């Protein structure tokens, strides 16, 4: 009896750069824009890097909680986000996209020092 089938039983796809689909792109961009707009770039980067090995588990958690999340969020958006997170390299894409949007965002004007003589 040949055990060739067992050789690939636990194979995972190789980690490589990915691009979101046309349905996923607006959702991913909106999520990244909100992170940048709220000034959460660094905490988001730290969080994403720390959960990077668990991206598939987090996608399955989204699927599991989708009946509850659909009460407060778009069910299609939850499904698209879960499908995106299932693929290896999705966390790297999110990190790169957040960095790009943060770099493109104009810096806020400096506030004048109230203690400086003018």
Foldseek 3Di string as FASTA:
>chain_A
DDPPVVVCPPDDDDADADDADPLQVVLLLVVLVVCLVVVNLVVLLVVLVVCLVVLLVVLVVLVVCLVVVVVPDPSVNSNSSSVLSNHHNSSVVSNVSSVVVNVPDDDDDDDDDPPDDD
